[in-house]
């Protein structure tokens, strides 16, 4: 499984049940799910926990976001 597929599966699971509530609540739930899935995908891809205070990790997270943008979830 590639990082993009891992992220997509995680988002699908994390967003289950977030269809209820106000638009603001849905937006917060979506942001929280996205942040969690990015960290989970970072762990999956780099085999280490993401630490926001580490400049190396920030650079890797930026690279991971680019990978996720450029790669379709299933290919």
N, C-alpha and C. Protein backbone atom coordinates (compact mmCIF):
# COMPACT_ATOMS: atom_id res chain seq x y z
N UNK A 1 0.85 -1.16 0.00
CA UNK A 1 0.00 0.00 0.00
C UNK A 1 0.90 1.24 0.00
N UNK A 2 0.55 2.23 -0.82
CA UNK A 2 1.34 3.45 -0.84
C UNK A 2 0.80 4.46 0.17
N UNK A 3 1.53 5.55 0.35
CA UNK A 3 1.16 6.56 1.34
C UNK A 3 -0.19 7.18 1.02
N UNK A 4 -0.46 7.40 -0.25
CA UNK A 4 -1.72 8.02 -0.65
C UNK A 4 -2.91 7.13 -0.31
N UNK A 5 -2.78 5.85 -0.57
CA UNK A 5 -3.85 4.91 -0.23
C UNK A 5 -4.04 4.85 1.29
N UNK A 6 -2.93 4.83 2.02
CA UNK A 6 -2.99 4.81 3.48
C UNK A 6 -3.75 6.02 4.00
N UNK A 7 -3.44 7.20 3.45
CA UNK A 7 -4.11 8.44 3.86
C UNK A 7 -5.61 8.38 3.53
N UNK A 8 -5.95 7.94 2.33
CA UNK A 8 -7.35 7.88 1.91
C UNK A 8 -8.17 6.95 2.78
N UNK A 9 -7.63 5.79 3.06
CA UNK A 9 -8.34 4.83 3.93
C UNK A 9 -8.53 5.42 5.32
N UNK A 10 -7.49 6.06 5.84
CA UNK A 10 -7.58 6.69 7.15
C UNK A 10 -8.62 7.79 7.19
N UNK A 11 -8.67 8.62 6.14
CA UNK A 11 -9.66 9.70 6.10
C UNK A 11 -11.07 9.13 6.01
N UNK A 12 -11.24 8.10 5.21
CA UNK A 12 -12.56 7.47 5.09
C UNK A 12 -13.05 6.98 6.45
N UNK A 13 -12.17 6.32 7.19
CA UNK A 13 -12.54 5.82 8.51
C UNK A 13 -12.77 6.96 9.50
N UNK A 14 -11.90 7.97 9.45
CA UNK A 14 -11.99 9.08 10.41
C UNK A 14 -13.21 9.95 10.20
N UNK A 15 -13.67 10.05 8.95
CA UNK A 15 -14.81 10.91 8.67
C UNK A 15 -16.16 10.23 8.83
N UNK A 16 -16.13 8.93 9.11
CA UNK A 16 -17.40 8.23 9.36
C UNK A 16 -18.09 8.85 10.55
N UNK A 17 -19.35 9.17 10.38
CA UNK A 17 -20.11 9.72 11.49
C UNK A 17 -19.95 11.22 11.68
N UNK A 18 -19.28 11.91 10.78
CA UNK A 18 -19.12 13.35 10.94
C UNK A 18 -20.11 14.13 10.08
N UNK A 19 -21.17 13.49 9.66
CA UNK A 19 -22.15 14.16 8.82
C UNK A 19 -23.19 14.91 9.64
N UNK A 20 -23.16 14.76 10.93
CA UNK A 20 -24.12 15.43 11.79
C UNK A 20 -23.48 16.67 12.39
N UNK A 21 -24.30 17.65 12.70
CA UNK A 21 -23.82 18.85 13.36
C UNK A 21 -23.84 20.05 12.43
N UNK A 22 -23.41 21.16 12.98
CA UNK A 22 -23.37 22.40 12.20
C UNK A 22 -22.21 22.36 11.22
N UNK A 23 -22.19 23.33 10.32
CA UNK A 23 -21.09 23.39 9.35
C UNK A 23 -19.75 23.60 10.06
N UNK A 24 -19.75 24.41 11.11
CA UNK A 24 -18.52 24.65 11.88
C UNK A 24 -18.03 23.37 12.55
N UNK A 25 -18.96 22.59 13.10
CA UNK A 25 -18.58 21.31 13.73
C UNK A 25 -18.03 20.33 12.70
N UNK A 26 -18.64 20.30 11.53
CA UNK A 26 -18.15 19.43 10.45
C UNK A 26 -16.76 19.85 10.01
N UNK A 27 -16.54 21.16 9.90
CA UNK A 27 -15.23 21.67 9.48
C UNK A 27 -14.15 21.31 10.51
N UNK A 28 -14.48 21.46 11.80
CA UNK A 28 -13.52 21.09 12.86
C UNK A 28 -13.22 19.60 12.84
N UNK A 29 -14.26 18.80 12.67
CA UNK A 29 -14.08 17.34 12.62
C UNK A 29 -13.23 16.94 11.41
N UNK A 30 -13.46 17.59 10.28
CA UNK A 30 -12.68 17.28 9.08
C UNK A 30 -11.22 17.68 9.26
N UNK A 31 -10.97 18.86 9.84
CA UNK A 31 -9.58 19.29 10.07
C UNK A 31 -8.88 18.36 11.04
N UNK A 32 -9.58 17.98 12.11
CA UNK A 32 -9.00 17.07 13.10
C UNK A 32 -8.67 15.72 12.46
N UNK A 33 -9.59 15.21 11.62
CA UNK A 33 -9.36 13.93 10.94
C UNK A 33 -8.18 14.04 9.98
N UNK A 34 -8.10 15.14 9.24
CA UNK A 34 -7.00 15.33 8.30
C UNK A 34 -5.66 15.38 9.03
N UNK A 35 -5.59 16.14 10.12
CA UNK A 35 -4.34 16.23 10.89
C UNK A 35 -3.93 14.86 11.42
N UNK A 36 -4.89 14.11 11.95
CA UNK A 36 -4.59 12.77 12.48
C UNK A 36 -4.11 11.85 11.37
N UNK A 37 -4.77 11.89 10.24
CA UNK A 37 -4.39 11.02 9.13
C UNK A 37 -3.04 11.39 8.55
N UNK A 38 -2.72 12.68 8.52
CA UNK A 38 -1.39 13.09 8.07
C UNK A 38 -0.31 12.54 8.99
N UNK A 39 -0.55 12.64 10.30
CA UNK A 39 0.43 12.11 11.26
C UNK A 39 0.55 10.59 11.15
N UNK A 40 -0.59 9.91 10.99
CA UNK A 40 -0.57 8.45 10.83
C UNK A 40 0.16 8.04 9.55
N UNK A 41 -0.07 8.79 8.47
CA UNK A 41 0.58 8.50 7.21
C UNK A 41 2.07 8.81 7.30
N UNK A 42 2.42 9.86 8.03
CA UNK A 42 3.84 10.18 8.26
C UNK A 42 4.52 9.00 8.97
N UNK A 43 3.88 8.49 9.99
CA UNK A 43 4.42 7.33 10.72
C UNK A 43 4.55 6.12 9.80
N UNK A 44 3.54 5.88 8.99
CA UNK A 44 3.55 4.75 8.05
C UNK A 44 4.68 4.90 7.03
N UNK A 45 4.84 6.11 6.49
CA UNK A 45 5.80 6.33 5.41
C UNK A 45 7.24 6.42 5.91
N UNK A 46 7.47 7.15 7.00
CA UNK A 46 8.83 7.39 7.50
C UNK A 46 9.22 6.51 8.69
N UNK A 47 8.28 5.74 9.20
CA UNK A 47 8.54 4.81 10.32
C UNK A 47 9.00 5.54 11.59
N UNK A 48 8.54 6.76 11.78
CA UNK A 48 8.82 7.52 12.99
C UNK A 48 7.69 8.51 13.24
N UNK A 49 7.45 8.83 14.50
CA UNK A 49 6.41 9.78 14.87
C UNK A 49 6.79 11.18 14.38
N UNK A 50 5.79 11.96 13.99
CA UNK A 50 6.00 13.34 13.57
C UNK A 50 6.16 14.23 14.79
N UNK A 51 7.21 15.03 14.82
CA UNK A 51 7.45 16.00 15.88
C UNK A 51 7.49 17.39 15.26
N UNK A 52 6.50 18.22 15.52
CA UNK A 52 6.43 19.53 14.88
C UNK A 52 7.59 20.47 15.23
N UNK A 53 8.28 20.23 16.31
CA UNK A 53 9.41 21.09 16.69
C UNK A 53 10.69 20.73 15.94
N UNK A 54 10.70 19.61 15.23
CA UNK A 54 11.88 19.14 14.50
C UNK A 54 11.83 19.66 13.06
N UNK A 55 12.83 20.44 12.67
CA UNK A 55 12.85 21.00 11.31
C UNK A 55 12.91 19.92 10.24
N UNK A 56 13.62 18.84 10.51
CA UNK A 56 13.67 17.71 9.57
C UNK A 56 12.28 17.14 9.34
N UNK A 57 11.53 17.01 10.40
CA UNK A 57 10.18 16.46 10.31
C UNK A 57 9.26 17.40 9.55
N UNK A 58 9.43 18.72 9.75
CA UNK A 58 8.61 19.69 9.01
C UNK A 58 8.87 19.57 7.51
N UNK A 59 10.15 19.40 7.15
CA UNK A 59 10.51 19.25 5.75
C UNK A 59 9.92 17.97 5.19
N UNK A 60 10.02 16.88 5.94
CA UNK A 60 9.45 15.61 5.50
C UNK A 60 7.94 15.69 5.35
N UNK A 61 7.27 16.39 6.28
CA UNK A 61 5.81 16.52 6.21
C UNK A 61 5.43 17.30 4.94
N UNK A 62 6.21 18.33 4.63
CA UNK A 62 5.95 19.09 3.41
C UNK A 62 6.09 18.18 2.19
N UNK A 63 7.13 17.35 2.17
CA UNK A 63 7.32 16.39 1.08
C UNK A 63 6.17 15.39 1.01
N UNK A 64 5.72 14.92 2.17
CA UNK A 64 4.62 13.97 2.21
C UNK A 64 3.33 14.59 1.65
N UNK A 65 3.06 15.83 2.00
CA UNK A 65 1.88 16.52 1.48
C UNK A 65 1.96 16.62 -0.05
N UNK A 66 3.16 16.89 -0.59
CA UNK A 66 3.33 16.94 -2.04
C UNK A 66 3.09 15.58 -2.67
N UNK A 67 3.58 14.54 -2.02
CA UNK A 67 3.34 13.17 -2.51
C UNK A 67 1.84 12.89 -2.55
N UNK A 68 1.14 13.25 -1.48
CA UNK A 68 -0.30 13.00 -1.41
C UNK A 68 -1.07 13.79 -2.46
N UNK A 69 -0.63 15.01 -2.73
CA UNK A 69 -1.28 15.82 -3.77
C UNK A 69 -1.05 15.25 -5.16
N UNK A 70 0.15 14.73 -5.41
CA UNK A 70 0.53 14.29 -6.76
C UNK A 70 0.16 12.86 -7.07
N UNK A 71 -0.14 12.04 -6.08
CA UNK A 71 -0.39 10.62 -6.30
C UNK A 71 -1.85 10.30 -6.09
N UNK A 72 -2.49 9.65 -7.08
CA UNK A 72 -3.86 9.21 -6.84
C UNK A 72 -3.89 8.17 -5.72
N UNK A 73 -4.97 8.10 -4.97
CA UNK A 73 -5.02 7.19 -3.82
C UNK A 73 -4.75 5.73 -4.13
N UNK A 74 -5.08 5.28 -5.31
CA UNK A 74 -4.95 3.85 -5.60
C UNK A 74 -3.95 3.55 -6.69
N UNK A 75 -2.94 4.42 -6.86
CA UNK A 75 -2.02 4.11 -7.93
C UNK A 75 -0.75 4.83 -7.89
